[in-house]
Amino acid sequence: MHITLPEIVANLSLPIDHKRVSRFNISRANVWEGAVRGFRRSSYSENCDMLVRFTDDAGVYEEGIDTGGPRREFLTLLMKHLKDRPIFDGPEGHRFLVYNANAVREDEYFLAGKMIAVSVVHGGPGPHFLSEDLVQYLAGQPSVKPTVNLITDEEIGKALREVGIT
């Protein structure tokens, strides 16, 4: 049985109730904070459509009806902000997960996973900033072989090279 990725995403989007919405009020100056507020709201449900309204820096709502454009724009901006969170490290386009104690306390790893899943299922972009090795590992590929060149911490990279890891 061969199932394609688009078929999987389409099946995951079937439970979305298009008659109900989860609202996101997003300031362009603080996309991350607005996203966190929206995803943590008690009324939020990933099974509802997303209604996104942008505000400018003064808090004035932008005109326009959300027929999907603001949602896709929000999800695109969210993925751009997510790549720079302290839970990810590595070269541009090849980021991987790293430990961050504050992010653990704030449950940011779970939140990031939810944001990525919601983006993909609701028609936004995927996390194109992730390392292909990380994606393969998360997909169950056991023979992933990342290199020391992906380590951005100079001391850790030097130590790994000294013990013979390349």
Protein backbone atom coordinates (compact mmCIF):
# COMPACT_ATOMS: atom_id res chain seq x y z
CA MET A 1 0.00 0.00 0.00
CA HIS A 2 1.55 3.30 -1.11
CA ILE A 3 0.23 6.51 0.46
CA THR A 4 1.68 9.85 -0.58
CA LEU A 5 2.44 12.75 1.75
CA PRO A 6 -0.31 14.95 0.22
CA GLU A 7 -2.80 12.12 0.88
CA ILE A 8 -1.69 11.90 4.50
CA VAL A 9 -2.06 15.66 4.98
CA ALA A 10 -5.47 15.61 3.28
CA ASN A 11 -6.62 12.83 5.63
CA LEU A 12 -5.35 14.76 8.65
CA SER A 13 -7.32 17.83 7.58
CA LEU A 14 -10.63 15.93 7.29
CA PRO A 15 -11.64 16.45 10.96
CA ILE A 16 -11.41 20.25 10.65
CA ASP A 17 -14.82 21.77 11.42
CA HIS A 18 -15.20 24.66 8.97
CA LYS A 19 -18.24 25.96 10.86
CA ARG A 20 -16.19 26.74 13.99
CA VAL A 21 -13.09 28.93 14.31
CA SER A 22 -10.17 29.43 16.63
CA ARG A 23 -9.33 33.13 16.60
CA PHE A 24 -5.83 34.57 16.36
CA ASN A 25 -5.22 38.31 16.75
CA ILE A 26 -1.69 38.82 15.52
CA SER A 27 0.42 41.94 15.74
CA ARG A 28 2.97 41.96 12.94
CA ALA A 29 5.50 43.32 15.44
CA ASN A 30 4.94 40.38 17.82
CA VAL A 31 3.97 37.36 15.74
CA TRP A 32 5.46 34.88 18.22
CA GLU A 33 3.68 36.30 21.27
CA GLY A 34 0.33 36.42 19.44
CA ALA A 35 0.76 32.85 18.23
CA VAL A 36 1.60 31.57 21.71
CA ARG A 37 -1.42 33.40 23.14
CA GLY A 38 -3.68 31.93 20.45
CA PHE A 39 -2.43 28.35 20.77
CA ARG A 40 -2.62 28.45 24.58
CA ARG A 41 -6.11 29.95 24.66
CA SER A 42 -8.54 27.58 26.39
CA SER A 43 -10.98 27.96 23.47
CA TYR A 44 -8.33 26.92 20.91
CA SER A 45 -8.94 23.69 19.00
CA GLU A 46 -6.83 22.34 16.13
CA ASN A 47 -10.06 20.81 14.80
CA CYS A 48 -11.51 24.26 14.09
CA ASP A 49 -10.73 26.54 11.18
CA MET A 50 -8.31 29.35 11.98
CA LEU A 51 -9.51 32.96 11.80
CA VAL A 52 -6.54 35.31 11.71
CA ARG A 53 -6.73 39.07 12.06
CA PHE A 54 -3.61 41.18 11.86
CA THR A 55 -3.10 44.43 13.72
CA ASP A 56 -0.57 47.14 13.08
CA ASP A 57 1.82 48.44 15.75
CA ALA A 58 -0.91 50.73 17.13
CA GLY A 59 -3.34 47.82 17.55
CA VAL A 60 -5.61 48.81 14.67
CA TYR A 61 -7.03 45.81 12.81
CA GLU A 62 -6.21 45.52 9.14
CA GLU A 63 -9.19 45.47 6.83
CA GLY A 64 -10.01 42.32 4.93
CA ILE A 65 -11.96 39.11 5.17
CA ASP A 66 -10.03 35.97 6.04
CA THR A 67 -10.63 33.58 3.17
CA GLY A 68 -7.33 31.84 3.84
CA GLY A 69 -4.78 34.48 2.85
CA PRO A 70 -4.20 35.93 6.34
CA ARG A 71 -4.08 32.40 7.80
CA ARG A 72 -1.41 31.30 5.31
CA GLU A 73 0.52 34.53 5.85
CA PHE A 74 0.38 34.04 9.63
CA LEU A 75 1.55 30.43 9.37
CA THR A 76 4.39 31.48 7.04
CA LEU A 77 5.48 34.22 9.47
CA LEU A 78 5.16 31.76 12.35
CA MET A 79 7.50 29.23 10.69
CA LYS A 80 10.02 32.05 10.09
CA HIS A 81 9.89 33.00 13.79
CA LEU A 82 9.94 29.40 14.97
CA LYS A 83 13.27 28.67 13.26
CA ASP A 84 14.95 31.29 15.44
CA ARG A 85 13.63 29.97 18.75
CA PRO A 86 16.26 28.73 21.24
CA ILE A 87 15.07 25.12 20.85
CA PHE A 88 16.70 25.00 17.41
CA ASP A 89 20.33 25.43 16.43
CA GLY A 90 22.46 24.82 13.38
CA PRO A 91 23.16 26.40 10.03
CA GLU A 92 20.38 28.08 8.07
CA GLY A 93 18.16 25.43 6.50
CA HIS A 94 19.75 22.67 8.58
CA ARG A 95 18.51 23.34 12.11
CA PHE A 96 18.12 20.61 14.68
CA LEU A 97 16.65 20.41 18.20
CA VAL A 98 18.80 21.44 21.14
CA TYR A 99 18.14 21.37 24.87
CA ASN A 100 17.00 24.61 26.49
CA ALA A 101 15.95 24.49 30.15
CA ASN A 102 13.74 27.57 29.92
CA ALA A 103 11.99 26.15 26.86
CA VAL A 104 11.33 22.93 28.79
CA ARG A 105 9.75 24.91 31.64
CA GLU A 106 7.63 26.88 29.15
CA ASP A 107 6.61 23.68 27.29
CA GLU A 108 7.98 25.23 24.09
CA TYR A 109 8.94 21.89 22.50
CA PHE A 110 5.34 20.68 22.66
CA LEU A 111 4.08 24.06 21.46
CA ALA A 112 6.52 24.07 18.52
CA GLY A 113 5.39 20.59 17.51
CA LYS A 114 1.76 21.69 17.65
CA MET A 115 2.51 24.81 15.59
CA ILE A 116 4.31 22.79 12.92
CA ALA A 117 1.52 20.20 12.72
CA VAL A 118 -1.19 22.87 12.58
CA SER A 119 0.68 24.76 9.88
CA VAL A 120 0.97 21.70 7.66
CA VAL A 121 -2.61 20.50 8.22
CA HIS A 122 -4.17 23.97 7.84
CA GLY A 123 -2.46 24.73 4.54
CA GLY A 124 0.61 26.62 5.71
CA PRO A 125 4.25 25.80 5.07
CA GLY A 126 6.17 23.00 6.69
CA PRO A 127 9.29 23.52 8.79
CA HIS A 128 11.67 23.89 5.85
CA PHE A 129 14.34 25.15 8.23
CA LEU A 130 14.89 21.71 9.80
CA SER A 131 17.87 19.52 9.05
CA GLU A 132 17.05 16.72 6.63
CA ASP A 133 18.79 14.36 9.08
CA LEU A 134 16.42 15.44 11.86
CA VAL A 135 13.39 15.00 9.62
CA GLN A 136 14.57 11.53 8.59
CA TYR A 137 15.16 10.59 12.23
CA LEU A 138 11.71 11.85 13.29
CA ALA A 139 10.21 9.86 10.41
CA GLY A 140 11.74 6.68 11.82
CA GLN A 141 14.86 6.41 9.65
CA PRO A 142 17.34 4.73 12.04
CA SER A 143 20.53 5.23 10.00
CA VAL A 144 20.89 9.01 10.18
CA LYS A 145 24.50 10.21 10.07
CA PRO A 146 24.81 13.94 10.84
CA THR A 147 28.26 15.56 10.74
CA VAL A 148 30.14 17.69 13.26
CA ASN A 149 30.00 20.55 10.73
CA LEU A 150 26.37 21.10 11.78
CA ILE A 151 27.42 21.88 15.39
CA THR A 152 27.49 25.66 15.84
CA ASP A 153 28.97 25.60 19.35
CA GLU A 154 32.72 25.83 18.72
CA GLU A 155 33.74 24.12 21.98
CA ILE A 156 31.46 21.13 21.45
CA GLY A 157 32.53 20.84 17.80
CA LYS A 158 36.20 20.96 18.80
CA ALA A 159 35.69 18.33 21.51
CA LEU A 160 33.88 16.01 19.10
CA ARG A 161 36.67 16.36 16.53
CA GLU A 162 39.31 15.63 19.22
CA VAL A 163 37.64 12.32 20.06
CA GLY A 164 37.53 11.41 16.39
CA ILE A 165 33.91 12.15 15.47
CA THR A 166 33.60 13.80 12.08
